[in-house]
Amino acid sequence: MSKNVLEGIKKDLDSFVGQRVTLKANRGRRKILQREGILESTYPNIFVIKIEGEYSPRRISYSYADILTETVEIKIKEKNTKIGSVSI
């Protein structure tokens, strides 16, 4: 069942590749990363977000399970759509 949920999250993200997103990631010990970037690509187990830094662009990858466990929250900028709001 969870494999189907993860595939659903991947399909949702596939349709937004190349678009601007807002990333909110819980990094533990009350550290929360909030950035804007571009959803660069999706792979079978991970997705990559390109973040424009002060000096050079940075790429951050997360797994689809991170969205499922709400460790990572992705919102599409233009549509204000939240990815990963899944009811189990």
PDB file of N, CA and C in Angstrom:
ATOM      1  N   MET A   1       0.822  -1.199   0.000  1.00  0.00           N
ATOM      2  CA  MET A   1       0.000   0.000   0.000  1.00  0.00           C
ATOM      3  C   MET A   1       0.859   1.254   0.000  1.00  0.00           C
ATOM      4  N   SER A   2       1.919   1.293   0.825  1.00  0.00           N
ATOM      5  CA  SER A   2       2.746   2.490   0.883  1.00  0.00           C
ATOM      6  C   SER A   2       3.515   2.702  -0.428  1.00  0.00           C
ATOM      7  N   LYS A   3       3.822   1.618  -1.146  1.00  0.00           N
ATOM      8  CA  LYS A   3       4.509   1.772  -2.427  1.00  0.00           C
ATOM      9  C   LYS A   3       3.617   2.527  -3.410  1.00  0.00           C
ATOM     10  N   ASN A   4       2.307   2.219  -3.394  1.00  0.00           N
ATOM     11  CA  ASN A   4       1.376   2.935  -4.259  1.00  0.00           C
ATOM     12  C   ASN A   4       1.277   4.408  -3.877  1.00  0.00           C
ATOM     13  N   VAL A   5       1.327   4.687  -2.584  1.00  0.00           N
ATOM     14  CA  VAL A   5       1.280   6.072  -2.114  1.00  0.00           C
ATOM     15  C   VAL A   5       2.528   6.819  -2.583  1.00  0.00           C
ATOM     16  N   LEU A   6       3.694   6.187  -2.447  1.00  0.00           N
ATOM     17  CA  LEU A   6       4.940   6.824  -2.884  1.00  0.00           C
ATOM     18  C   LEU A   6       4.945   7.042  -4.393  1.00  0.00           C
ATOM     19  N   GLU A   7       4.405   6.090  -5.148  1.00  0.00           N
ATOM     20  CA  GLU A   7       4.302   6.271  -6.598  1.00  0.00           C
ATOM     21  C   GLU A   7       3.363   7.423  -6.934  1.00  0.00           C
ATOM     22  N   GLY A   8       2.300   7.584  -6.160  1.00  0.00           N
ATOM     23  CA  GLY A   8       1.375   8.703  -6.360  1.00  0.00           C
ATOM     24  C   GLY A   8       2.046  10.041  -6.111  1.00  0.00           C
ATOM     25  N   ILE A   9       2.866  10.116  -5.073  1.00  0.00           N
ATOM     26  CA  ILE A   9       3.601  11.351  -4.779  1.00  0.00           C
ATOM     27  C   ILE A   9       4.575  11.648  -5.915  1.00  0.00           C
ATOM     28  N   LYS A  10       5.254  10.624  -6.424  1.00  0.00           N
ATOM     29  CA  LYS A  10       6.186  10.813  -7.538  1.00  0.00           C
ATOM     30  C   LYS A  10       5.451  11.335  -8.767  1.00  0.00           C
ATOM     31  N   LYS A  11       4.292  10.764  -9.079  1.00  0.00           N
ATOM     32  CA  LYS A  11       3.522  11.216 -10.238  1.00  0.00           C
ATOM     33  C   LYS A  11       3.080  12.668 -10.077  1.00  0.00           C
ATOM     34  N   ASP A  12       2.688  13.043  -8.844  1.00  0.00           N
ATOM     35  CA  ASP A  12       2.325  14.440  -8.582  1.00  0.00           C
ATOM     36  C   ASP A  12       3.509  15.363  -8.868  1.00  0.00           C
ATOM     37  N   LEU A  13       4.684  14.976  -8.374  1.00  0.00           N
ATOM     38  CA  LEU A  13       5.876  15.807  -8.578  1.00  0.00           C
ATOM     39  C   LEU A  13       6.307  15.829 -10.041  1.00  0.00           C
ATOM     40  N   ASP A  14       6.138  14.713 -10.753  1.00  0.00           N
ATOM     41  CA  ASP A  14       6.525  14.657 -12.168  1.00  0.00           C
ATOM     42  C   ASP A  14       5.848  15.754 -12.975  1.00  0.00           C
ATOM     43  N   SER A  15       4.609  16.051 -12.656  1.00  0.00           N
ATOM     44  CA  SER A  15       3.874  17.047 -13.436  1.00  0.00           C
ATOM     45  C   SER A  15       4.334  18.479 -13.154  1.00  0.00           C
ATOM     46  N   PHE A  16       5.142  18.683 -12.103  1.00  0.00           N
ATOM     47  CA  PHE A  16       5.602  20.025 -11.749  1.00  0.00           C
ATOM     48  C   PHE A  16       7.102  20.234 -11.951  1.00  0.00           C
ATOM     49  N   VAL A  17       7.783  19.324 -12.632  1.00  0.00           N
ATOM     50  CA  VAL A  17       9.220  19.467 -12.878  1.00  0.00           C
ATOM     51  C   VAL A  17       9.459  20.747 -13.678  1.00  0.00           C
ATOM     52  N   GLY A  18      10.433  21.541 -13.231  1.00  0.00           N
ATOM     53  CA  GLY A  18      10.769  22.791 -13.897  1.00  0.00           C
ATOM     54  C   GLY A  18      10.056  23.999 -13.325  1.00  0.00           C
ATOM     55  N   GLN A  19       9.166  23.807 -12.370  1.00  0.00           N
ATOM     56  CA  GLN A  19       8.424  24.927 -11.792  1.00  0.00           C
ATOM     57  C   GLN A  19       9.021  25.353 -10.458  1.00  0.00           C
ATOM     58  N   ARG A  20       8.737  26.616 -10.086  1.00  0.00           N
ATOM     59  CA  ARG A  20       9.216  27.148  -8.811  1.00  0.00           C
ATOM     60  C   ARG A  20       8.410  26.547  -7.671  1.00  0.00           C
ATOM     61  N   VAL A  21       9.119  26.185  -6.605  1.00  0.00           N
ATOM     62  CA  VAL A  21       8.487  25.578  -5.438  1.00  0.00           C
ATOM     63  C   VAL A  21       8.999  26.246  -4.170  1.00  0.00           C
ATOM     64  N   THR A  22       8.220  26.115  -3.119  1.00  0.00           N
ATOM     65  CA  THR A  22       8.642  26.510  -1.784  1.00  0.00           C
ATOM     66  C   THR A  22       8.899  25.234  -1.007  1.00  0.00           C
ATOM     67  N   LEU A  23      10.073  25.141  -0.427  1.00  0.00           N
ATOM     68  CA  LEU A  23      10.499  23.952   0.308  1.00  0.00           C
ATOM     69  C   LEU A  23      10.532  24.279   1.794  1.00  0.00           C
ATOM     70  N   LYS A  24       9.941  23.416   2.588  1.00  0.00           N
ATOM     71  CA  LYS A  24      10.029  23.532   4.043  1.00  0.00           C
ATOM     72  C   LYS A  24      10.439  22.161   4.555  1.00  0.00           C
ATOM     73  N   ALA A  25      11.634  22.068   5.128  1.00  0.00           N
ATOM     74  CA  ALA A  25      12.173  20.783   5.569  1.00  0.00           C
ATOM     75  C   ALA A  25      12.549  20.835   7.047  1.00  0.00           C
ATOM     76  N   ASN A  26      12.096  19.850   7.791  1.00  0.00           N
ATOM     77  CA  ASN A  26      12.443  19.713   9.195  1.00  0.00           C
ATOM     78  C   ASN A  26      13.775  18.975   9.264  1.00  0.00           C
ATOM     79  N   ARG A  27      14.804  19.637   9.761  1.00  0.00           N
ATOM     80  CA  ARG A  27      16.130  19.037   9.798  1.00  0.00           C
ATOM     81  C   ARG A  27      16.514  18.552  11.182  1.00  0.00           C
ATOM     82  N   GLY A  28      15.558  18.497  12.101  1.00  0.00           N
ATOM     83  CA  GLY A  28      15.832  17.988  13.446  1.00  0.00           C
ATOM     84  C   GLY A  28      16.307  19.067  14.393  1.00  0.00           C
ATOM     85  N   ARG A  29      16.134  18.816  15.668  1.00  0.00           N
ATOM     86  CA  ARG A  29      16.552  19.743  16.729  1.00  0.00           C
ATOM     87  C   ARG A  29      16.092  21.172  16.482  1.00  0.00           C
ATOM     88  N   ARG A  30      14.860  21.304  16.138  1.00  0.00           N
ATOM     89  CA  ARG A  30      14.214  22.604  15.907  1.00  0.00           C
ATOM     90  C   ARG A  30      14.826  23.401  14.766  1.00  0.00           C
ATOM     91  N   LYS A  31      15.501  22.734  13.858  1.00  0.00           N
ATOM     92  CA  LYS A  31      16.057  23.405  12.683  1.00  0.00           C
ATOM     93  C   LYS A  31      15.123  23.161  11.510  1.00  0.00           C
ATOM     94  N   ILE A  32      14.600  24.235  10.961  1.00  0.00           N
ATOM     95  CA  ILE A  32      13.688  24.122   9.819  1.00  0.00           C
ATOM     96  C   ILE A  32      14.270  24.942   8.674  1.00  0.00           C
ATOM     97  N   LEU A  33      14.436  24.292   7.539  1.00  0.00           N
ATOM     98  CA  LEU A  33      14.951  24.931   6.333  1.00  0.00           C
ATOM     99  C   LEU A  33      13.763  25.392   5.489  1.00  0.00           C
ATOM    100  N   GLN A  34      13.713  26.678   5.164  1.00  0.00           N
ATOM    101  CA  GLN A  34      12.678  27.206   4.286  1.00  0.00           C
ATOM    102  C   GLN A  34      13.368  27.936   3.146  1.00  0.00           C
ATOM    103  N   ARG A  35      13.148  27.444   1.928  1.00  0.00           N
ATOM    104  CA  ARG A  35      13.787  28.033   0.754  1.00  0.00           C
ATOM    105  C   ARG A  35      12.837  27.964  -0.432  1.00  0.00           C
ATOM    106  N   GLU A  36      13.148  28.775  -1.430  1.00  0.00           N
ATOM    107  CA  GLU A  36      12.462  28.687  -2.710  1.00  0.00           C
ATOM    108  C   GLU A  36      13.454  28.163  -3.724  1.00  0.00           C
ATOM    109  N   GLY A  37      12.964  27.378  -4.659  1.00  0.00           N
ATOM    110  CA  GLY A  37      13.831  26.819  -5.676  1.00  0.00           C
ATOM    111  C   GLY A  37      13.025  26.287  -6.834  1.00  0.00           C
ATOM    112  N   ILE A  38      13.675  25.496  -7.651  1.00  0.00           N
ATOM    113  CA  ILE A  38      13.045  24.904  -8.821  1.00  0.00           C
ATOM    114  C   ILE A  38      13.115  23.388  -8.676  1.00  0.00           C
ATOM    115  N   LEU A  39      11.987  22.731  -8.895  1.00  0.00           N
ATOM    116  CA  LEU A  39      11.969  21.267  -8.899  1.00  0.00           C
ATOM    117  C   LEU A  39      12.678  20.831 -10.169  1.00  0.00           C
ATOM    118  N   GLU A  40      13.910  20.372 -10.010  1.00  0.00           N
ATOM    119  CA  GLU A  40      14.771  20.117 -11.160  1.00  0.00           C
ATOM    120  C   GLU A  40      14.488  18.779 -11.833  1.00  0.00           C
ATOM    121  N   SER A  41      14.363  17.712 -11.047  1.00  0.00           N
ATOM    122  CA  SER A  41      14.133  16.397 -11.647  1.00  0.00           C
ATOM    123  C   SER A  41      13.597  15.429 -10.605  1.00  0.00           C
ATOM    124  N   THR A  42      12.992  14.354 -11.127  1.00  0.00           N
ATOM    125  CA  THR A  42      12.520  13.272 -10.263  1.00  0.00           C
ATOM    126  C   THR A  42      13.158  11.973 -10.739  1.00  0.00           C
ATOM    127  N   TYR A  43      13.472  11.124  -9.800  1.00  0.00           N
ATOM    128  CA  TYR A  43      14.056   9.821 -10.068  1.00  0.00           C
ATOM    129  C   TYR A  43      13.187   8.777  -9.375  1.00  0.00           C
ATOM    130  N   PRO A  44      13.460   7.492  -9.590  1.00  0.00           N
ATOM    131  CA  PRO A  44      12.596   6.469  -8.976  1.00  0.00           C
ATOM    132  C   PRO A  44      12.454   6.580  -7.456  1.00  0.00           C
ATOM    133  N   ASN A  45      13.502   6.997  -6.751  1.00  0.00           N
ATOM    134  CA  ASN A  45      13.424   7.038  -5.288  1.00  0.00           C
ATOM    135  C   ASN A  45      13.603   8.414  -4.678  1.00  0.00           C
ATOM    136  N   ILE A  46      14.094   9.391  -5.450  1.00  0.00           N
ATOM    137  CA  ILE A  46      14.345  10.733  -4.917  1.00  0.00           C
ATOM    138  C   ILE A  46      13.904  11.802  -5.912  1.00  0.00           C
ATOM    139  N   PHE A  47      13.815  13.043  -5.407  1.00  0.00           N
ATOM    140  CA  PHE A  47      13.611  14.200  -6.273  1.00  0.00           C
ATOM    141  C   PHE A  47      14.636  15.260  -5.894  1.00  0.00           C
ATOM    142  N   VAL A  48      14.953  16.139  -6.843  1.00  0.00           N
ATOM    143  CA  VAL A  48      16.015  17.120  -6.652  1.00  0.00           C
ATOM    144  C   VAL A  48      15.446  18.520  -6.819  1.00  0.00           C
ATOM    145  N   ILE A  49      15.790  19.400  -5.871  1.00  0.00           N
ATOM    146  CA  ILE A  49      15.391  20.802  -5.939  1.00  0.00           C
ATOM    147  C   ILE A  49      16.650  21.646  -6.046  1.00  0.00           C
ATOM    148  N   LYS A  50      16.661  22.557  -7.017  1.00  0.00           N
ATOM    149  CA  LYS A  50      17.790  23.461  -7.218  1.00  0.00           C
ATOM    150  C   LYS A  50      17.478  24.772  -6.513  1.00  0.00           C
ATOM    151  N   ILE A  51      18.353  25.154  -5.592  1.00  0.00           N
ATOM    152  CA  ILE A  51      18.183  26.368  -4.809  1.00  0.00           C
ATOM    153  C   ILE A  51      19.275  27.351  -5.195  1.00  0.00           C
ATOM    154  N   GLU A  52      18.864  28.574  -5.518  1.00  0.00           N
ATOM    155  CA  GLU A  52      19.827  29.607  -5.864  1.00  0.00           C
ATOM    156  C   GLU A  52      20.433  30.155  -4.576  1.00  0.00           C
ATOM    157  N   GLY A  53      21.734  29.994  -4.422  1.00  0.00           N
ATOM    158  CA  GLY A  53      22.430  30.481  -3.240  1.00  0.00           C
ATOM    159  C   GLY A  53      23.069  31.832  -3.513  1.00  0.00           C
ATOM    160  N   GLU A  54      23.732  32.373  -2.504  1.00  0.00           N
ATOM    161  CA  GLU A  54      24.420  33.653  -2.656  1.00  0.00           C
ATOM    162  C   GLU A  54      25.562  33.558  -3.655  1.00  0.00           C
ATOM    163  N   TYR A  55      26.271  32.454  -3.641  1.00  0.00           N
ATOM    164  CA  TYR A  55      27.463  32.327  -4.470  1.00  0.00           C
ATOM    165  C   TYR A  55      27.258  31.394  -5.660  1.00  0.00           C
ATOM    166  N   SER A  56      26.583  30.303  -5.441  1.00  0.00           N
ATOM    167  CA  SER A  56      26.359  29.344  -6.531  1.00  0.00           C
ATOM    168  C   SER A  56      25.101  28.540  -6.240  1.00  0.00           C
ATOM    169  N   PRO A  57      24.489  27.995  -7.275  1.00  0.00           N
ATOM    170  CA  PRO A  57      23.293  27.180  -7.040  1.00  0.00           C
ATOM    171  C   PRO A  57      23.629  25.903  -6.273  1.00  0.00           C
ATOM    172  N   ARG A  58      22.679  25.445  -5.496  1.00  0.00           N
ATOM    173  CA  ARG A  58      22.848  24.260  -4.667  1.00  0.00           C
ATOM    174  C   ARG A  58      21.715  23.292  -4.990  1.00  0.00           C
ATOM    175  N   ARG A  59      21.990  22.046  -4.993  1.00  0.00           N
ATOM    176  CA  ARG A  59      20.970  21.038  -5.240  1.00  0.00           C
ATOM    177  C   ARG A  59      20.766  20.203  -3.979  1.00  0.00           C
ATOM    178  N   ILE A  60      19.497  20.021  -3.639  1.00  0.00           N
ATOM    179  CA  ILE A  60      19.149  19.236  -2.459  1.00  0.00           C
ATOM    180  C   ILE A  60      18.225  18.114  -2.916  1.00  0.00           C
ATOM    181  N   SER A  61      18.475  16.912  -2.438  1.00  0.00           N
ATOM    182  CA  SER A  61      17.617  15.785  -2.807  1.00  0.00           C
ATOM    183  C   SER A  61      16.919  15.240  -1.565  1.00  0.00           C
ATOM    184  N   TYR A  62      15.687  14.800  -1.782  1.00  0.00           N
ATOM    185  CA  TYR A  62      14.886  14.181  -0.729  1.00  0.00           C
ATOM    186  C   TYR A  62      14.191  12.963  -1.308  1.00  0.00           C
ATOM    187  N   SER A  63      13.757  12.073  -0.447  1.00  0.00           N
ATOM    188  CA  SER A  63      13.003  10.900  -0.901  1.00  0.00           C
ATOM    189  C   SER A  63      11.508  11.213  -0.822  1.00  0.00           C
ATOM    190  N   TYR A  64      10.726  10.437  -1.529  1.00  0.00           N
ATOM    191  CA  TYR A  64       9.273  10.618  -1.498  1.00  0.00           C
ATOM    192  C   TYR A  64       8.721  10.272  -0.128  1.00  0.00           C
ATOM    193  N   ALA A  65       9.407   9.399   0.600  1.00  0.00           N
ATOM    194  CA  ALA A  65       8.989   9.054   1.958  1.00  0.00           C
ATOM    195  C   ALA A  65       9.089  10.264   2.887  1.00  0.00           C
ATOM    196  N   ASP A  66      10.004  11.196   2.596  1.00  0.00           N
ATOM    197  CA  ASP A  66      10.113  12.415   3.399  1.00  0.00           C
ATOM    198  C   ASP A  66       8.833  13.246   3.297  1.00  0.00           C
ATOM    199  N   ILE A  67       8.221  13.250   2.131  1.00  0.00           N
ATOM    200  CA  ILE A  67       6.951  13.959   1.966  1.00  0.00           C
ATOM    201  C   ILE A  67       5.848  13.214   2.702  1.00  0.00           C
ATOM    202  N   LEU A  68       5.856  11.898   2.590  1.00  0.00           N
ATOM    203  CA  LEU A  68       4.831  11.079   3.235  1.00  0.00           C
ATOM    204  C   LEU A  68       4.872  11.238   4.753  1.00  0.00           C
ATOM    205  N   THR A  69       6.060  11.293   5.330  1.00  0.00           N
ATOM    206  CA  THR A  69       6.205  11.427   6.784  1.00  0.00           C
ATOM    207  C   THR A  69       6.163  12.880   7.245  1.00  0.00           C
ATOM    208  N   GLU A  70       5.939  13.796   6.306  1.00  0.00           N
ATOM    209  CA  GLU A  70       5.833  15.233   6.569  1.00  0.00           C
ATOM    210  C   GLU A  70       7.120  15.836   7.111  1.00  0.00           C
ATOM    211  N   THR A  71       8.249  15.217   6.808  1.00  0.00           N
ATOM    212  CA  THR A  71       9.549  15.808   7.119  1.00  0.00           C
ATOM    213  C   THR A  71       9.821  16.943   6.142  1.00  0.00           C
ATOM    214  N   VAL A  72       9.303  16.806   4.920  1.00  0.00           N
ATOM    215  CA  VAL A  72       9.468  17.791   3.862  1.00  0.00           C
ATOM    216  C   VAL A  72       8.091  18.188   3.353  1.00  0.00           C
ATOM    217  N   GLU A  73       7.910  19.495   3.140  1.00  0.00           N
ATOM    218  CA  GLU A  73       6.664  20.001   2.568  1.00  0.00           C
ATOM    219  C   GLU A  73       7.013  20.809   1.321  1.00  0.00           C
ATOM    220  N   ILE A  74       6.345  20.500   0.222  1.00  0.00           N
ATOM    221  CA  ILE A  74       6.588  21.178  -1.046  1.00  0.00           C
ATOM    222  C   ILE A  74       5.311  21.892  -1.457  1.00  0.00           C
ATOM    223  N   LYS A  75       5.427  23.170  -1.808  1.00  0.00           N
ATOM    224  CA  LYS A  75       4.285  23.909  -2.346  1.00  0.00           C
ATOM    225  C   LYS A  75       4.693  24.487  -3.695  1.00  0.00           C
ATOM    226  N   ILE A  76       3.828  24.333  -4.667  1.00  0.00           N
ATOM    227  CA  ILE A  76       4.062  24.897  -5.992  1.00  0.00           C
ATOM    228  C   ILE A  76       3.710  26.375  -5.925  1.00  0.00           C
ATOM    229  N   LYS A  77       4.629  27.243  -6.333  1.00  0.00           N
ATOM    230  CA  LYS A  77       4.457  28.687  -6.186  1.00  0.00           C
ATOM    231  C   LYS A  77       3.246  29.216  -6.945  1.00  0.00           C
ATOM    232  N   GLU A  78       3.139  28.900  -8.235  1.00  0.00           N
ATOM    233  CA  GLU A  78       2.101  29.495  -9.077  1.00  0.00           C
ATOM    234  C   GLU A  78       0.705  29.040  -8.677  1.00  0.00           C
ATOM    235  N   LYS A  79       0.562  27.784  -8.344  1.00  0.00           N
ATOM    236  CA  LYS A  79      -0.764  27.231  -8.079  1.00  0.00           C
ATOM    237  C   LYS A  79      -1.088  27.166  -6.592  1.00  0.00           C
ATOM    238  N   ASN A  80      -0.094  27.411  -5.735  1.00  0.00           N
ATOM    239  CA  ASN A  80      -0.247  27.308  -4.291  1.00  0.00           C
ATOM    240  C   ASN A  80      -0.791  25.932  -3.888  1.00  0.00           C
ATOM    241  N   THR A  81      -0.282  24.913  -4.577  1.00  0.00           N
ATOM    242  CA  THR A  81      -0.695  23.526  -4.362  1.00  0.00           C
ATOM    243  C   THR A  81       0.318  22.843  -3.454  1.00  0.00           C
ATOM    244  N   LYS A  82      -0.176  22.144  -2.463  1.00  0.00           N
ATOM    245  CA  LYS A  82       0.700  21.394  -1.570  1.00  0.00           C
ATOM    246  C   LYS A  82       0.810  19.970  -2.079  1.00  0.00           C
ATOM    247  N   ILE A  83       2.012  19.466  -2.202  1.00  0.00           N
ATOM    248  CA  ILE A  83       2.261  18.090  -2.640  1.00  0.00           C
ATOM    249  C   ILE A  83       2.347  17.202  -1.422  1.00  0.00           C
ATOM    250  N   GLY A  84       1.713  16.052  -1.501  1.00  0.00           N
ATOM    251  CA  GLY A  84       1.856  15.068  -0.436  1.00  0.00           C
ATOM    252  C   GLY A  84       0.725  15.047   0.546  1.00  0.00           C
ATOM    253  N   SER A  85      -0.335  15.792   0.315  1.00  0.00           N
ATOM    254  CA  SER A  85      -1.470  15.719   1.232  1.00  0.00           C
ATOM    255  C   SER A  85      -2.280  14.480   0.868  1.00  0.00           C
ATOM    256  N   VAL A  86      -1.900  13.384   1.507  1.00  0.00           N
ATOM    257  CA  VAL A  86      -2.465  12.079   1.190  1.00  0.00           C
ATOM    258  C   VAL A  86      -3.208  11.553   2.401  1.00  0.00           C
ATOM    259  N   SER A  87      -4.401  11.036   2.186  1.00  0.00           N
ATOM    260  CA  SER A  87      -5.116  10.405   3.296  1.00  0.00           C
ATOM    261  C   SER A  87      -4.948   8.884   3.169  1.00  0.00           C
ATOM    262  N   ILE A  88      -4.530   8.274   4.268  1.00  0.00           N
ATOM    263  CA  ILE A  88      -4.284   6.817   4.244  1.00  0.00           C
ATOM    264  C   ILE A  88      -5.399   6.126   5.013  1.00  0.00           C
TER     265      ILE A  88
END
